[in-house]
Amino acid sequence: MLKWAAVHNVELIFIEPGKPAQNAWIESFNGRVRDEFLNFHLFRSLPELRTAAYEWLDDYNTVRPHSSSAISRRRSSSPVEGTRKTGPAGPHFRAA
């Protein structure tokens, strides 16, 4: 990464240790991944993990509401836009 940044004249700016609020969005997302995805699955293979992760991420990005959900609803004609599937009963969660 450092070599690529130097070749492309990109300055890397990292979050200071112990300062997660400097990028609160990713901290929130990481918490959701842990709480809503990783804690509900027991993966037996890397392909199984990848498939489940793509399904969860698609649900996260397209179905559930976000802070910009009003904008998302205006752009979408989907009847399920703005709804949220939660808990282990959702279609992308299965008992371990």
C-alpha atoms as a PDB file:
ATOM      1  CA  MET A   1       0.000   0.000   0.000  1.00  0.00           C
ATOM      2  CA  LEU A   2       2.807   2.405   0.852  1.00  0.00           C
ATOM      3  CA  LYS A   3       4.557   1.687  -2.434  1.00  0.00           C
ATOM      4  CA  TRP A   4       1.358   2.192  -4.453  1.00  0.00           C
ATOM      5  CA  ALA A   5       0.649   5.474  -2.632  1.00  0.00           C
ATOM      6  CA  ALA A   6       4.159   6.741  -3.364  1.00  0.00           C
ATOM      7  CA  VAL A   7       3.978   5.764  -7.047  1.00  0.00           C
ATOM      8  CA  HIS A   8       0.570   7.473  -7.441  1.00  0.00           C
ATOM      9  CA  ASN A   9       1.490  10.509  -5.323  1.00  0.00           C
ATOM     10  CA  VAL A  10      -1.222   9.753  -2.733  1.00  0.00           C
ATOM     11  CA  GLU A  11      -0.862  10.872   0.870  1.00  0.00           C
ATOM     12  CA  LEU A  12      -2.134   8.263   3.313  1.00  0.00           C
ATOM     13  CA  ILE A  13      -3.820   9.647   6.412  1.00  0.00           C
ATOM     14  CA  PHE A  14      -4.582   7.116   9.123  1.00  0.00           C
ATOM     15  CA  ILE A  15      -6.909   7.328  12.104  1.00  0.00           C
ATOM     16  CA  GLU A  16      -4.974   8.076  15.256  1.00  0.00           C
ATOM     17  CA  PRO A  17      -4.734   5.124  17.672  1.00  0.00           C
ATOM     18  CA  GLY A  18      -7.490   5.295  20.261  1.00  0.00           C
ATOM     19  CA  LYS A  19      -9.545   7.791  18.208  1.00  0.00           C
ATOM     20  CA  PRO A  20     -12.269   5.705  16.483  1.00  0.00           C
ATOM     21  CA  ALA A  21     -14.575   8.748  16.351  1.00  0.00           C
ATOM     22  CA  GLN A  22     -12.375  10.100  13.551  1.00  0.00           C
ATOM     23  CA  ASN A  23     -14.216   7.674  11.273  1.00  0.00           C
ATOM     24  CA  ALA A  24     -17.474   6.954  13.054  1.00  0.00           C
ATOM     25  CA  TRP A  25     -19.155   5.543   9.931  1.00  0.00           C
ATOM     26  CA  ILE A  26     -16.756   2.601   9.606  1.00  0.00           C
ATOM     27  CA  GLU A  27     -16.872   1.962  13.347  1.00  0.00           C
ATOM     28  CA  SER A  28     -20.682   1.788  13.135  1.00  0.00           C
ATOM     29  CA  PHE A  29     -20.530  -0.484  10.084  1.00  0.00           C
ATOM     30  CA  ASN A  30     -17.996  -2.814  11.739  1.00  0.00           C
ATOM     31  CA  GLY A  31     -20.284  -3.073  14.777  1.00  0.00           C
ATOM     32  CA  ARG A  32     -23.249  -3.977  12.573  1.00  0.00           C
ATOM     33  CA  VAL A  33     -21.222  -6.621  10.748  1.00  0.00           C
ATOM     34  CA  ARG A  34     -20.249  -8.196  14.082  1.00  0.00           C
ATOM     35  CA  ASP A  35     -23.694  -7.925  15.700  1.00  0.00           C
ATOM     36  CA  GLU A  36     -25.937  -8.744  12.729  1.00  0.00           C
ATOM     37  CA  PHE A  37     -23.816 -11.085  10.622  1.00  0.00           C
ATOM     38  CA  LEU A  38     -20.800 -12.719  12.240  1.00  0.00           C
ATOM     39  CA  ASN A  39     -22.535 -13.523  15.538  1.00  0.00           C
ATOM     40  CA  PHE A  40     -25.286 -15.464  13.712  1.00  0.00           C
ATOM     41  CA  HIS A  41     -23.196 -17.702  11.466  1.00  0.00           C
ATOM     42  CA  LEU A  42     -20.913 -20.664  11.783  1.00  0.00           C
ATOM     43  CA  PHE A  43     -19.018 -20.979   8.507  1.00  0.00           C
ATOM     44  CA  ARG A  44     -17.667 -24.300   7.328  1.00  0.00           C
ATOM     45  CA  SER A  45     -15.765 -22.974   4.335  1.00  0.00           C
ATOM     46  CA  LEU A  46     -14.465 -19.763   2.804  1.00  0.00           C
ATOM     47  CA  PRO A  47     -16.906 -19.976  -0.157  1.00  0.00           C
ATOM     48  CA  GLU A  48     -19.802 -20.307   2.311  1.00  0.00           C
ATOM     49  CA  LEU A  49     -18.565 -17.210   4.155  1.00  0.00           C
ATOM     50  CA  ARG A  50     -18.231 -15.236   0.929  1.00  0.00           C
ATOM     51  CA  THR A  51     -21.720 -16.161  -0.270  1.00  0.00           C
ATOM     52  CA  ALA A  52     -23.318 -15.222   3.044  1.00  0.00           C
ATOM     53  CA  ALA A  53     -21.294 -11.997   3.230  1.00  0.00           C
ATOM     54  CA  TYR A  54     -22.370 -10.912  -0.268  1.00  0.00           C
ATOM     55  CA  GLU A  55     -26.014 -11.630   0.603  1.00  0.00           C
ATOM     56  CA  TRP A  56     -25.796  -9.699   3.885  1.00  0.00           C
ATOM     57  CA  LEU A  57     -24.020  -6.770   2.245  1.00  0.00           C
ATOM     58  CA  ASP A  58     -26.600  -6.639  -0.554  1.00  0.00           C
ATOM     59  CA  ASP A  59     -29.367  -6.555   2.063  1.00  0.00           C
ATOM     60  CA  TYR A  60     -27.489  -3.890   4.040  1.00  0.00           C
ATOM     61  CA  ASN A  61     -26.988  -1.691   0.973  1.00  0.00           C
ATOM     62  CA  THR A  62     -30.354  -2.099  -0.751  1.00  0.00           C
ATOM     63  CA  VAL A  63     -33.127  -3.015   1.677  1.00  0.00           C
ATOM     64  CA  ARG A  64     -32.588  -1.487   5.084  1.00  0.00           C
ATOM     65  CA  PRO A  65     -32.935   2.219   5.820  1.00  0.00           C
ATOM     66  CA  HIS A  66     -29.888   4.421   6.299  1.00  0.00           C
ATOM     67  CA  SER A  67     -29.459   8.068   7.238  1.00  0.00           C
ATOM     68  CA  SER A  68     -30.082   8.888   3.575  1.00  0.00           C
ATOM     69  CA  SER A  69     -33.137   6.612   3.412  1.00  0.00           C
ATOM     70  CA  ALA A  70     -35.452   9.413   2.249  1.00  0.00           C
ATOM     71  CA  ILE A  71     -33.224   9.904  -0.785  1.00  0.00           C
ATOM     72  CA  SER A  72     -33.022   6.134  -1.351  1.00  0.00           C
ATOM     73  CA  ARG A  73     -36.811   5.753  -1.263  1.00  0.00           C
ATOM     74  CA  ARG A  74     -37.233   8.519  -3.836  1.00  0.00           C
ATOM     75  CA  ARG A  75     -34.780   6.783  -6.185  1.00  0.00           C
ATOM     76  CA  SER A  76     -36.258   3.316  -5.810  1.00  0.00           C
ATOM     77  CA  SER A  77     -39.527   1.871  -7.007  1.00  0.00           C
ATOM     78  CA  SER A  78     -39.049  -1.217  -4.863  1.00  0.00           C
ATOM     79  CA  PRO A  79     -41.965  -1.872  -2.473  1.00  0.00           C
ATOM     80  CA  VAL A  80     -39.564  -3.205   0.168  1.00  0.00           C
ATOM     81  CA  GLU A  81     -37.279  -0.170   0.156  1.00  0.00           C
ATOM     82  CA  GLY A  82     -37.001   1.259   3.631  1.00  0.00           C
ATOM     83  CA  THR A  83     -37.904  -1.967   5.436  1.00  0.00           C
ATOM     84  CA  ARG A  84     -35.465  -3.746   7.668  1.00  0.00           C
ATOM     85  CA  LYS A  85     -34.974  -7.429   8.280  1.00  0.00           C
ATOM     86  CA  THR A  86     -33.663  -8.053  11.754  1.00  0.00           C
ATOM     87  CA  GLY A  87     -32.655 -10.920  13.951  1.00  0.00           C
ATOM     88  CA  PRO A  88     -31.961 -14.535  13.269  1.00  0.00           C
ATOM     89  CA  ALA A  89     -35.352 -15.028  11.577  1.00  0.00           C
ATOM     90  CA  GLY A  90     -34.341 -12.907   8.578  1.00  0.00           C
ATOM     91  CA  PRO A  91     -33.703 -14.741   5.292  1.00  0.00           C
ATOM     92  CA  HIS A  92     -29.937 -14.299   5.470  1.00  0.00           C
ATOM     93  CA  PHE A  93     -29.570 -15.691   8.975  1.00  0.00           C
ATOM     94  CA  ARG A  94     -29.604 -19.327   9.898  1.00  0.00           C
ATOM     95  CA  ALA A  95     -29.044 -21.143  13.138  1.00  0.00           C
ATOM     96  CA  ALA A  96     -25.511 -22.308  13.791  1.00  0.00           C
END
